[in-house]
Amino acid sequence: MNFDAVTQFFRKTDRGKSSKRRGLAVVTGDWMQQPSEKSYKILMLLPVSSKSHKNIFMPLAEALADRGHKVVMLVNHPKSSKHPNVLEINHDLPHFKEENQNMFISRTSKGQADFFTKSLPAIARDIYKVPEVKKLYDRRKDFDLIILNHMFNEAIYPFVHEMPFITIATIGLDARQSAMLGNPLNPAYKVVGTVLTSNRPSAWQRFQNALAGVMRGFAWRHWTIVPLIQKEITAQFPDLPPLLELERNLSLTLVNTHFAIDTTVPLLPSQVEIGASHCRPANPLPQDIEEWISGAGPEGVIYFSLGSFTRGSSMPVQYRDAFLEAFRRLPHRVIWKFDEELEGVPDNVLIRKWLPQQDILGHEKVKVFISHSGLLSVQETVYHAMPILAIPIYGDQPKNAMFIKMSGFGDMLTWEDITVDKLINEITKITSNPKYRENIKKASLTLRDQITTPMERAVFWTEYVIRHQGAPQLRCPAANLSWVEFLMLDVVGILVVVLWVVLYVMRRVVAATVRKIFSNGDHMKKKSE
């Protein structure tokens, strides 16, 4: 990309009109229907992201563009927006592309660690060598605000040096970021992994959860990933402050969550919930899919998808065969998102490489969603009140699956537990028991019952940070404290010392008093004799 195109993009005058295409993400407030009084230049950086992460950024980019702002996006996927006020720059590095990954191999903790320790430092090493990225970095101060993809993008922190910036927490409320903002999450009830299996966890579960939170945060930021990225960045920008110091200047984070679809926790003003901002009412389906679903009998339809990042073709053959055999024995019709042709597909199974997921989930004849339990899929499931069978693969998916089970929205299986009989039993249980749809319908009503839309909040707070030059008033004083100060360990230490001195003095006084009493007693005894 010739960077003159960016200059021309800035010079264009297109105030935009509000889009009517985004369902829940449609901006409904009157103020949102009008162009902003001033057009801002906003840089969105998501150079390390999955397609689902981009699906969170794009509605906000277009909503800001509708307001007349100029939005430049650094991405790792092909151009997808047709909005005249949105310019996408694809760095085209190969290190994090979906087609190069096998997430079934990366399912273990070691597999995930190996994946990140290889790919993220490589991106830090190479991304500033891409001419378009380096030119964009050199011109970063032309922008009024930078918006980062929170997860996996420490390599891009040099962009925010001496710049106001916010993040979008695409994976939801992250304990590491929340602690950095001054709001450590309580491990007594906020799930880190899959340790907490009920709303009243045991002392041992709470201990494991707390330990997991501390170890994961410390390992990522101070031991494994960030130090490797820091080494690559320092080699290119030796005068920059450390990456974690740059991170602390964060003004605000837009959190992809909502209390209807996650554990309810206290939030700071700088933590704004925008969960399900990408969700929308179901649209009419393509004719062939509509006919397939409508032609199903009273048993209805099962929808099966592992999301946008995990390729179905990477599924181990024993699991693929188990699904095919289970579907063959079930009375339902099945729609399966799979990226290649399959042999031996039963007559009741329809396979497509791409499917309009929300339109399918919103269809009344669909009975259950078999999902990897990625966060966006879970949000769409709740929004459309669709019971779910979660089979998590990696990342935050096991935690999401456990939340589904604890909330009664469906059930979960691990891949190691998959057999034909277990698949049939789980699907039959969920489709035949009305409690799962009742539970998730209640959550859906809560998710939809909001005074403002998630997108209205996202746009308002984005513009708020720009209007107030980084909005330092949002910053919690706790963010400036060390852990010793925050936990008041120094105060506890002083109290312990004072208590020890008081006890020591009291002991000496009591000992002296006792000696004096007994000494007087002995003196009186000798005198009487």
Protein backbone atom coordinates (compact mmCIF):
# COMPACT_ATOMS: atom_id res chain seq x y z
CA MET A 1 0.00 0.00 0.00
CA ASN A 2 1.36 3.43 -0.98
CA PHE A 3 1.05 5.64 2.06
CA ASP A 4 -0.19 8.53 -0.13
CA ALA A 5 -3.46 6.61 -0.08
CA VAL A 6 -3.70 7.20 3.68
CA THR A 7 -3.09 10.91 3.19
CA GLN A 8 -5.82 11.02 0.56
CA PHE A 9 -8.06 9.04 2.87
CA PHE A 10 -7.63 11.67 5.60
CA ARG A 11 -8.43 14.47 3.15
CA LYS A 12 -11.71 12.97 1.99
CA THR A 13 -14.83 14.68 3.29
CA ASP A 14 -17.48 12.07 3.99
CA ARG A 15 -19.51 12.61 7.14
CA GLY A 16 -21.32 9.31 6.64
CA LYS A 17 -24.82 8.19 7.49
CA SER A 18 -25.90 5.76 10.17
CA SER A 19 -25.92 2.16 9.10
CA LYS A 20 -29.07 0.07 9.42
CA ARG A 21 -27.32 -3.26 9.07
CA ARG A 22 -26.16 -4.19 12.55
CA GLY A 23 -29.08 -5.54 14.61
CA LEU A 24 -28.17 -5.19 18.29
CA ALA A 25 -25.16 -3.26 17.11
CA VAL A 26 -27.43 -0.74 15.36
CA VAL A 27 -26.91 2.62 17.01
CA THR A 28 -30.38 3.66 18.10
CA GLY A 29 -29.85 6.82 20.16
CA ASP A 30 -30.71 10.12 18.42
CA TRP A 31 -27.21 11.46 19.01
CA MET A 32 -25.80 8.42 17.25
CA GLN A 33 -27.84 9.13 14.15
CA GLN A 34 -26.02 12.42 13.61
CA PRO A 35 -22.43 13.05 12.54
CA SER A 36 -20.05 14.06 15.29
CA GLU A 37 -19.37 17.78 15.68
CA LYS A 38 -15.73 17.06 14.93
CA SER A 39 -14.20 14.37 12.77
CA TYR A 40 -11.47 12.44 14.59
CA LYS A 41 -8.71 10.25 13.21
CA ILE A 42 -8.72 6.86 14.95
CA LEU A 43 -6.16 4.10 14.52
CA MET A 44 -7.25 0.53 15.31
CA LEU A 45 -4.44 -1.97 15.81
CA LEU A 46 -5.29 -5.66 15.72
CA PRO A 47 -2.28 -7.15 13.94
CA VAL A 48 -2.61 -10.38 15.95
CA SER A 49 -6.21 -11.52 15.92
CA SER A 50 -8.59 -14.23 14.86
CA LYS A 51 -11.52 -13.51 12.55
CA SER A 52 -13.77 -13.44 15.60
CA HIS A 53 -11.66 -10.66 17.13
CA LYS A 54 -12.00 -8.66 13.94
CA ASN A 55 -15.75 -9.28 14.07
CA ILE A 56 -15.80 -7.28 17.33
CA PHE A 57 -13.69 -4.43 15.97
CA MET A 58 -15.47 -4.00 12.65
CA PRO A 59 -18.93 -2.97 13.95
CA LEU A 60 -17.26 -0.32 16.15
CA ALA A 61 -15.09 0.86 13.26
CA GLU A 62 -18.15 1.30 11.05
CA ALA A 63 -20.20 2.92 13.82
CA LEU A 64 -17.40 5.46 14.36
CA ALA A 65 -17.15 5.91 10.60
CA ASP A 66 -20.89 6.58 10.49
CA ARG A 67 -20.25 9.44 12.91
CA GLY A 68 -17.84 10.95 10.37
CA HIS A 69 -14.58 9.79 11.94
CA LYS A 70 -11.69 8.45 9.85
CA VAL A 71 -10.73 4.94 10.96
CA VAL A 72 -7.52 3.23 9.85
CA MET A 73 -7.17 -0.45 10.79
CA LEU A 74 -3.98 -2.52 10.90
CA VAL A 75 -5.17 -6.11 10.47
CA ASN A 76 -3.99 -9.60 9.56
CA HIS A 77 -7.03 -10.50 7.44
CA PRO A 78 -8.22 -9.41 4.00
CA LYS A 79 -10.25 -6.22 3.63
CA SER A 80 -13.87 -6.67 4.68
CA SER A 81 -15.37 -3.20 5.12
CA LYS A 82 -16.85 -1.18 2.26
CA HIS A 83 -17.36 1.92 4.38
CA PRO A 84 -15.70 4.97 2.76
CA ASN A 85 -14.43 6.17 6.15
CA VAL A 86 -12.67 2.88 6.98
CA LEU A 87 -9.23 2.04 5.58
CA GLU A 88 -7.76 -1.42 6.24
CA ILE A 89 -4.04 -2.19 6.01
CA ASN A 90 -3.14 -5.89 6.05
CA HIS A 91 0.45 -6.54 7.19
CA ASP A 92 0.18 -10.03 5.68
CA LEU A 93 2.70 -11.73 7.98
CA PRO A 94 2.20 -15.51 8.14
CA HIS A 95 2.81 -16.11 11.85
CA PHE A 96 -0.79 -16.07 13.12
CA LYS A 97 -2.89 -17.12 10.14
CA GLU A 98 -5.68 -19.60 10.83
CA GLU A 99 -4.79 -21.78 7.87
CA ASN A 100 -1.32 -22.35 9.33
CA GLN A 101 -2.56 -23.55 12.73
CA ASN A 102 -3.81 -26.87 14.06
CA MET A 103 -5.55 -26.01 17.31
CA PHE A 104 -6.10 -29.68 18.16
CA ILE A 105 -2.32 -30.01 18.44
CA SER A 106 -2.23 -26.81 20.53
CA ARG A 107 -4.92 -27.98 22.97
CA THR A 108 -2.54 -28.72 25.84
CA SER A 109 -1.06 -25.96 27.99
CA LYS A 110 2.38 -26.82 26.62
CA GLY A 111 1.06 -26.73 23.06
CA GLN A 112 -0.46 -23.29 23.56
CA ALA A 113 2.71 -22.00 25.25
CA ASP A 114 4.87 -23.30 22.39
CA PHE A 115 2.56 -21.67 19.85
CA PHE A 116 2.72 -18.25 21.53
CA THR A 117 6.43 -18.33 22.35
CA LYS A 118 7.16 -18.92 18.67
CA SER A 119 4.59 -16.74 16.92
CA LEU A 120 4.40 -13.58 19.07
CA PRO A 121 8.14 -12.80 19.27
CA ALA A 122 8.37 -13.51 15.53
CA ILE A 123 5.64 -10.93 14.90
CA ALA A 124 7.47 -8.42 17.12
CA ARG A 125 10.64 -9.05 15.10
CA ASP A 126 9.04 -8.73 11.68
CA ILE A 127 6.07 -6.39 11.85
CA TYR A 128 8.03 -3.12 11.91
CA LYS A 129 9.96 -4.32 8.87
CA VAL A 130 6.74 -4.17 6.84
CA PRO A 131 7.01 -0.78 5.09
CA GLU A 132 3.35 0.15 5.52
CA VAL A 133 3.49 -0.64 9.25
CA LYS A 134 6.70 1.34 9.81
CA LYS A 135 5.24 4.35 7.99
CA LEU A 136 2.07 4.04 10.04
CA TYR A 137 4.17 3.94 13.21
CA ASP A 138 6.06 7.07 12.15
CA ARG A 139 2.73 8.87 11.64
CA ARG A 140 0.97 7.59 14.75
CA LYS A 141 0.77 11.07 16.26
CA ASP A 142 -1.45 12.17 13.39
CA PHE A 143 -4.23 10.23 15.11
CA ASP A 144 -6.45 11.42 17.95
CA LEU A 145 -6.77 7.97 19.53
CA ILE A 146 -5.38 4.46 19.18
CA ILE A 147 -7.52 1.39 19.89
CA LEU A 148 -5.68 -1.89 20.53
CA ASN A 149 -6.77 -5.48 20.49
CA HIS A 150 -5.99 -6.29 24.12
CA MET A 151 -4.95 -9.93 23.81
CA PHE A 152 -1.67 -11.08 22.19
CA ASN A 153 -0.64 -7.61 20.96
CA GLU A 154 2.14 -6.42 23.26
CA ALA A 155 4.38 -6.17 20.16
CA ILE A 156 2.35 -3.19 19.00
CA TYR A 157 2.73 -1.20 22.26
CA PRO A 158 5.40 1.10 20.77
CA PHE A 159 2.55 2.75 18.84
CA VAL A 160 0.98 4.03 22.07
CA HIS A 161 4.08 5.77 23.42
CA GLU A 162 2.96 9.31 24.38
CA MET A 163 -0.43 8.64 22.77
CA PRO A 164 -3.94 8.28 24.28
CA PHE A 165 -5.19 4.75 23.78
CA ILE A 166 -7.89 2.33 24.78
CA THR A 167 -8.26 -1.41 24.28
CA ILE A 168 -10.99 -3.80 23.31
CA ALA A 169 -10.80 -6.87 25.55
CA THR A 170 -12.07 -9.26 22.90
CA ILE A 171 -11.88 -12.32 25.18
CA GLY A 172 -13.89 -10.64 27.93
CA LEU A 173 -12.74 -9.49 31.33
CA ASP A 174 -9.07 -10.45 31.67
CA ALA A 175 -7.70 -10.77 35.20
CA ARG A 176 -4.23 -9.54 34.21
CA GLN A 177 -5.52 -6.36 32.61
CA SER A 178 -8.06 -5.74 35.36
CA ALA A 179 -5.32 -5.94 38.00
CA MET A 180 -3.16 -3.54 35.99
CA LEU A 181 -6.05 -1.05 35.96
CA GLY A 182 -6.32 -1.29 39.74
CA ASN A 183 -9.17 -3.78 40.00
CA PRO A 184 -7.80 -7.24 40.89
CA LEU A 185 -10.51 -9.85 40.46
CA ASN A 186 -11.40 -11.99 43.45
CA PRO A 187 -10.38 -15.62 42.82
CA ALA A 188 -12.91 -16.77 45.42
CA TYR A 189 -15.61 -16.56 42.75
CA LYS A 190 -14.14 -15.26 39.48
CA VAL A 191 -13.20 -18.30 37.38
CA VAL A 192 -9.70 -18.40 35.90
CA GLY A 193 -9.75 -21.92 34.45
CA THR A 194 -12.10 -24.82 35.09
CA VAL A 195 -11.33 -25.26 38.78
CA LEU A 196 -14.46 -23.60 40.16
CA THR A 197 -17.28 -26.03 39.39
CA SER A 198 -20.02 -24.43 41.48
CA ASN A 199 -21.08 -21.06 42.87
CA ARG A 200 -19.92 -22.21 46.33
CA PRO A 201 -16.42 -23.60 45.66
CA SER A 202 -14.43 -25.41 48.31
CA ALA A 203 -11.36 -23.92 49.98
CA TRP A 204 -9.15 -26.19 47.88
CA GLN A 205 -10.81 -25.04 44.62
CA ARG A 206 -10.43 -21.39 45.62
CA PHE A 207 -6.77 -21.98 46.43
CA GLN A 208 -6.20 -23.64 43.03
CA ASN A 209 -8.05 -20.82 41.26
CA ALA A 210 -6.01 -18.14 43.05
CA LEU A 211 -2.76 -19.95 42.32
CA ALA A 212 -3.69 -20.41 38.65
CA GLY A 213 -4.48 -16.71 38.30
CA VAL A 214 -1.20 -15.60 39.86
CA MET A 215 0.91 -18.09 37.93
CA ARG A 216 -0.72 -17.40 34.56
CA GLY A 217 -0.37 -13.65 34.91
CA PHE A 218 3.22 -13.83 36.16
CA ALA A 219 4.27 -16.37 33.55
CA TRP A 220 2.85 -14.38 30.61
CA ARG A 221 4.03 -10.94 31.68
CA HIS A 222 7.33 -11.63 33.44
CA TRP A 223 8.60 -15.07 32.52
CA THR A 224 7.67 -16.45 29.11
CA ILE A 225 5.89 -14.31 26.50
CA VAL A 226 6.39 -10.60 27.21
CA PRO A 227 10.15 -10.85 27.95
CA LEU A 228 10.65 -12.50 24.54
CA ILE A 229 8.63 -9.78 22.83
CA GLN A 230 10.45 -7.10 24.83
CA LYS A 231 13.81 -8.41 23.59
CA GLU A 232 12.72 -8.02 19.96
CA ILE A 233 11.23 -4.56 20.52
CA THR A 234 14.26 -3.26 22.43
CA ALA A 235 16.50 -4.31 19.56
CA GLN A 236 14.50 -2.03 17.25
CA PHE A 237 13.46 0.75 19.66
CA PRO A 238 16.19 0.95 22.33
CA ASP A 239 14.99 4.29 23.70
CA LEU A 240 11.39 3.26 24.35
CA PRO A 241 10.15 2.61 27.91
CA PRO A 242 9.43 -1.05 28.76
CA LEU A 243 6.29 -2.48 27.17
CA LEU A 244 4.54 -3.07 30.49
CA GLU A 245 5.22 0.54 31.44
CA LEU A 246 3.63 1.73 28.19
CA GLU A 247 0.63 -0.49 28.94
CA ARG A 248 0.00 1.31 32.24
CA ASN A 249 -1.02 4.49 30.37
CA LEU A 250 -4.21 2.77 29.20
CA SER A 251 -7.20 5.12 29.52
CA LEU A 252 -10.09 2.67 29.20
CA THR A 253 -10.98 -0.83 28.07
CA LEU A 254 -14.12 -1.88 26.24
CA VAL A 255 -14.81 -5.33 27.69
CA ASN A 256 -16.48 -7.90 25.50
CA THR A 257 -18.76 -9.25 28.22
CA HIS A 258 -22.03 -8.69 30.06
CA PHE A 259 -23.22 -9.87 33.45
CA ALA A 260 -25.85 -12.06 31.77
CA ILE A 261 -23.12 -14.11 30.10
CA ASP A 262 -20.34 -14.02 32.67
CA THR A 263 -19.67 -13.90 36.40
CA THR A 264 -20.95 -10.66 37.91
CA VAL A 265 -18.00 -8.65 39.25
CA PRO A 266 -17.42 -5.02 40.33
CA LEU A 267 -16.01 -2.87 37.52
CA LEU A 268 -14.19 0.46 37.36
CA PRO A 269 -15.46 3.39 35.26
CA SER A 270 -12.57 2.57 32.92
CA GLN A 271 -14.02 -0.92 32.31
CA VAL A 272 -17.06 -0.61 30.03
CA GLU A 273 -19.08 -3.71 29.13
CA ILE A 274 -19.91 -4.03 25.42
CA GLY A 275 -20.59 -7.78 25.31
CA ALA A 276 -22.71 -9.04 22.39
CA SER A 277 -22.21 -5.79 20.46
CA HIS A 278 -21.92 -7.88 17.31
CA CYS A 279 -25.19 -9.78 17.90
CA ARG A 280 -28.29 -9.03 15.84
CA PRO A 281 -31.73 -10.47 15.08
CA ALA A 282 -31.82 -13.35 12.62
CA ASN A 283 -32.16 -12.50 8.94
CA PRO A 284 -33.85 -14.70 6.33
CA LEU A 285 -31.68 -17.68 5.41
CA PRO A 286 -30.44 -18.60 1.93
CA GLN A 287 -33.10 -20.68 0.19
CA ASP A 288 -31.25 -24.00 0.28
CA ILE A 289 -30.55 -23.78 4.02
CA GLU A 290 -34.08 -22.58 4.77
CA GLU A 291 -35.54 -25.52 2.86
CA TRP A 292 -33.23 -27.95 4.67
CA ILE A 293 -34.26 -26.64 8.09
CA SER A 294 -37.95 -26.26 7.28
CA GLY A 295 -38.02 -29.80 5.90
CA ALA A 296 -36.89 -31.30 9.18
CA GLY A 297 -39.51 -33.16 11.16
CA PRO A 298 -40.63 -32.33 14.70
CA GLU A 299 -37.18 -33.39 15.98
CA GLY A 300 -35.74 -30.26 14.39
CA VAL A 301 -32.14 -29.43 13.53
CA ILE A 302 -28.72 -29.66 15.19
CA TYR A 303 -26.19 -26.96 14.27
CA PHE A 304 -22.48 -27.84 14.61
CA SER A 305 -19.57 -25.40 14.23
CA LEU A 306 -16.10 -25.08 15.74
CA GLY A 307 -15.80 -21.38 14.93
CA SER A 308 -13.59 -19.41 12.57
CA PHE A 309 -10.12 -20.20 13.95
CA THR A 310 -10.30 -23.99 14.24
CA ARG A 311 -10.44 -25.80 10.93
CA GLY A 312 -12.70 -28.83 10.87
CA SER A 313 -10.21 -30.63 8.65
CA SER A 314 -7.70 -30.60 11.53
CA MET A 315 -10.07 -32.65 13.71
CA PRO A 316 -8.56 -36.08 14.52
CA VAL A 317 -10.24 -38.77 12.49
CA GLN A 318 -11.60 -40.70 15.49
CA TYR A 319 -13.63 -37.68 16.58
CA ARG A 320 -14.84 -36.93 13.06
CA ASP A 321 -16.03 -40.50 12.64
CA ALA A 322 -17.73 -40.43 16.04
CA PHE A 323 -19.72 -37.34 15.04
CA LEU A 324 -20.70 -38.85 11.68
CA GLU A 325 -21.91 -42.05 13.31
CA ALA A 326 -23.77 -40.21 16.09
CA PHE A 327 -25.52 -37.97 13.57
CA ARG A 328 -26.44 -41.02 11.49
CA ARG A 329 -28.26 -42.56 14.49
CA LEU A 330 -30.06 -39.39 15.56
CA PRO A 331 -33.53 -38.46 14.22
CA HIS A 332 -32.55 -34.79 13.75
CA ARG A 333 -31.24 -33.11 10.67
CA VAL A 334 -27.73 -31.66 11.08
CA ILE A 335 -26.02 -28.59 9.66
CA TRP A 336 -22.24 -28.88 10.02
CA LYS A 337 -19.72 -26.12 9.23
CA PHE A 338 -16.75 -27.98 7.82
CA ASP A 339 -14.04 -26.64 5.50
CA GLU A 340 -13.65 -29.60 3.14
CA GLU A 341 -15.60 -32.44 1.56
CA LEU A 342 -16.28 -35.52 3.69
CA GLU A 343 -16.90 -39.10 2.68
CA GLY A 344 -19.63 -41.22 4.21
CA VAL A 345 -21.84 -38.29 5.20
CA PRO A 346 -25.33 -39.47 6.26
CA ASP A 347 -28.37 -38.24 4.35
CA ASN A 348 -29.52 -36.19 7.36
CA VAL A 349 -26.30 -34.09 7.44
CA LEU A 350 -25.76 -30.91 5.41
CA ILE A 351 -22.15 -29.66 5.22
CA ARG A 352 -21.12 -26.16 4.22
CA LYS A 353 -17.76 -24.35 4.35
CA TRP A 354 -19.44 -21.16 5.52
CA LEU A 355 -22.77 -20.60 7.27
CA PRO A 356 -24.75 -17.56 8.51
CA GLN A 357 -24.50 -18.61 12.13
CA GLN A 358 -26.77 -16.04 13.79
CA ASP A 359 -29.49 -16.58 11.20
CA ILE A 360 -29.38 -20.32 11.90
CA LEU A 361 -29.34 -19.88 15.69
CA GLY A 362 -32.39 -17.63 15.43
CA HIS A 363 -34.45 -20.22 13.54
CA GLU A 364 -37.25 -21.81 15.59
CA LYS A 365 -36.58 -25.32 14.30
CA VAL A 366 -32.96 -25.42 15.47
CA LYS A 367 -32.81 -27.29 18.79
CA VAL A 368 -29.18 -27.28 19.92
CA PHE A 369 -25.83 -25.75 19.00
CA ILE A 370 -22.73 -27.99 19.25
CA SER A 371 -19.94 -25.48 19.72
CA HIS A 372 -16.29 -25.03 20.69
CA SER A 373 -17.66 -22.42 23.15
CA GLY A 374 -15.69 -19.49 21.81
CA LEU A 375 -16.83 -16.27 23.46
CA LEU A 376 -18.60 -14.81 20.42
CA SER A 377 -20.43 -18.07 19.79
CA VAL A 378 -21.52 -18.20 23.44
CA GLN A 379 -22.81 -14.63 23.22
CA GLU A 380 -24.75 -15.44 20.05
CA THR A 381 -26.11 -18.57 21.72
CA VAL A 382 -27.43 -16.58 24.68
CA TYR A 383 -28.72 -13.75 22.49
CA HIS A 384 -30.75 -16.21 20.39
CA ALA A 385 -31.67 -18.38 23.42
CA MET A 386 -30.24 -21.55 21.91
CA PRO A 387 -29.21 -24.46 24.20
CA ILE A 388 -25.61 -25.50 23.70
CA LEU A 389 -23.39 -28.56 23.92
CA ALA A 390 -19.92 -27.15 24.53
CA ILE A 391 -16.83 -29.08 23.45
CA PRO A 392 -13.96 -26.65 24.19
CA ILE A 393 -10.62 -26.86 22.43
CA TYR A 394 -8.19 -24.22 23.74
CA GLY A 395 -7.76 -20.78 25.32
CA ASP A 396 -10.74 -19.39 27.21
CA GLN A 397 -13.09 -22.03 25.80
CA PRO A 398 -12.89 -24.48 28.77
CA LYS A 399 -13.80 -21.62 31.12
CA ASN A 400 -16.70 -20.62 28.87
CA ALA A 401 -17.88 -24.23 28.70
CA MET A 402 -17.81 -24.54 32.48
CA PHE A 403 -19.88 -21.35 32.75
CA ILE A 404 -22.43 -22.84 30.32
CA LYS A 405 -22.72 -25.95 32.44
CA MET A 406 -22.93 -24.05 35.76
CA SER A 407 -25.59 -21.72 34.33
CA GLY A 408 -27.75 -24.54 33.01
CA PHE A 409 -27.56 -23.31 29.41
CA GLY A 410 -26.51 -26.78 28.25
CA ASP A 411 -23.72 -29.20 29.02
CA MET A 412 -20.08 -29.82 28.12
CA LEU A 413 -17.88 -32.68 26.92
CA THR A 414 -14.12 -32.97 26.71
CA TRP A 415 -12.66 -34.37 23.53
CA GLU A 416 -11.16 -37.29 25.43
CA ASP A 417 -14.67 -38.29 26.59
CA ILE A 418 -16.21 -38.28 23.13
CA THR A 419 -17.80 -41.52 22.01
CA VAL A 420 -20.76 -42.13 19.73
CA ASP A 421 -22.99 -43.07 22.67
CA LYS A 422 -21.99 -40.04 24.75
CA LEU A 423 -22.68 -37.69 21.87
CA ILE A 424 -26.11 -39.22 21.32
CA ASN A 425 -26.93 -39.14 25.04
CA GLU A 426 -25.85 -35.52 25.50
CA ILE A 427 -27.67 -34.25 22.41
CA THR A 428 -30.82 -36.18 23.34
CA LYS A 429 -30.68 -34.88 26.91
CA ILE A 430 -30.39 -31.25 25.85
CA THR A 431 -33.02 -31.40 23.09
CA SER A 432 -35.57 -33.28 25.18
CA ASN A 433 -35.25 -31.41 28.49
CA PRO A 434 -36.95 -27.98 28.36
CA LYS A 435 -34.97 -26.64 31.34
CA TYR A 436 -31.97 -25.78 29.17
CA ARG A 437 -33.98 -23.56 26.82
CA GLU A 438 -35.83 -22.00 29.75
CA ASN A 439 -32.56 -21.15 31.51
CA ILE A 440 -30.92 -19.65 28.46
CA LYS A 441 -34.09 -17.76 27.51
CA LYS A 442 -34.00 -15.99 30.89
CA ALA A 443 -30.38 -15.01 30.26
CA SER A 444 -31.29 -13.84 26.75
CA LEU A 445 -33.99 -11.53 28.11
CA THR A 446 -31.46 -10.09 30.56
CA LEU A 447 -28.86 -9.60 27.82
CA ARG A 448 -31.32 -7.78 25.58
CA ASP A 449 -32.80 -5.61 28.36
CA GLN A 450 -30.35 -2.67 28.34
CA ILE A 451 -30.88 1.06 28.63
CA THR A 452 -28.34 1.65 25.85
CA THR A 453 -26.95 -0.69 23.24
CA PRO A 454 -23.41 -2.01 23.64
CA MET A 455 -22.41 -0.12 20.52
CA GLU A 456 -23.76 3.17 21.86
CA ARG A 457 -21.60 2.72 24.94
CA ALA A 458 -18.56 1.81 22.86
CA VAL A 459 -18.89 4.88 20.63
CA PHE A 460 -19.66 7.26 23.50
CA TRP A 461 -16.66 6.22 25.61
CA THR A 462 -14.34 6.18 22.61
CA GLU A 463 -15.24 9.77 21.82
CA TYR A 464 -15.16 10.64 25.54
CA VAL A 465 -11.50 9.61 25.83
CA ILE A 466 -10.66 11.75 22.79
CA ARG A 467 -12.62 14.76 24.03
CA HIS A 468 -10.88 14.64 27.41
CA GLN A 469 -7.34 14.07 26.10
CA GLY A 470 -7.00 10.56 27.45
CA ALA A 471 -9.53 11.02 30.28
CA PRO A 472 -7.08 10.70 33.22
CA GLN A 473 -10.05 11.16 35.57
CA LEU A 474 -11.04 7.58 34.79
CA ARG A 475 -7.79 6.22 36.19
CA CYS A 476 -8.13 4.42 39.51
CA PRO A 477 -5.45 5.47 42.06
CA ALA A 478 -4.92 1.78 42.83
CA ALA A 479 -3.26 1.43 39.42
CA ASN A 480 -0.30 3.44 40.74
CA LEU A 481 0.22 1.24 43.79
CA SER A 482 2.54 -1.70 44.14
CA TRP A 483 1.12 -5.01 45.35
CA VAL A 484 2.66 -4.32 48.78
CA GLU A 485 0.86 -0.98 48.94
CA PHE A 486 -2.40 -2.25 47.45
CA LEU A 487 -2.67 -5.16 49.88
CA MET A 488 -1.45 -2.84 52.67
CA LEU A 489 1.27 -5.33 53.57
CA ASP A 490 3.45 -2.45 54.76
CA VAL A 491 0.62 -1.28 57.05
CA VAL A 492 0.13 -4.83 58.29
CA GLY A 493 3.87 -4.99 58.93
CA ILE A 494 3.76 -1.80 60.98
CA LEU A 495 0.79 -3.13 62.97
CA VAL A 496 2.64 -6.38 63.63
CA VAL A 497 5.70 -4.47 64.86
CA VAL A 498 3.57 -2.18 67.05
CA LEU A 499 1.69 -5.16 68.45
CA TRP A 500 4.97 -6.95 69.16
CA VAL A 501 6.35 -3.86 70.96
CA VAL A 502 3.15 -3.49 73.01
CA LEU A 503 3.19 -7.17 73.95
CA TYR A 504 6.89 -6.98 74.78
CA VAL A 505 6.40 -3.93 77.00
CA MET A 506 3.36 -5.49 78.67
CA ARG A 507 5.31 -8.67 79.28
CA ARG A 508 8.15 -6.75 80.87
CA VAL A 509 5.74 -4.70 83.00
CA VAL A 510 3.85 -7.80 84.13
CA ALA A 511 7.09 -9.63 84.87
CA ALA A 512 8.40 -6.69 86.87
CA THR A 513 5.12 -6.38 88.76
CA VAL A 514 5.06 -10.09 89.58
CA ARG A 515 8.65 -9.97 90.79
CA LYS A 516 7.87 -6.97 92.96
CA ILE A 517 4.78 -8.62 94.46
CA PHE A 518 6.64 -11.80 95.27
CA SER A 519 9.62 -9.83 96.53
CA ASN A 520 7.36 -7.82 98.88
CA GLY A 521 5.73 -11.05 99.99
CA ASP A 522 9.08 -12.60 100.88
CA HIS A 523 10.10 -9.39 102.70
CA MET A 524 6.92 -9.36 104.77
CA LYS A 525 7.36 -13.05 105.57
CA LYS A 526 10.91 -12.55 106.80
CA LYS A 527 9.83 -9.52 108.86
CA SER A 528 7.04 -11.48 110.60
CA GLU A 529 9.45 -14.24 111.47
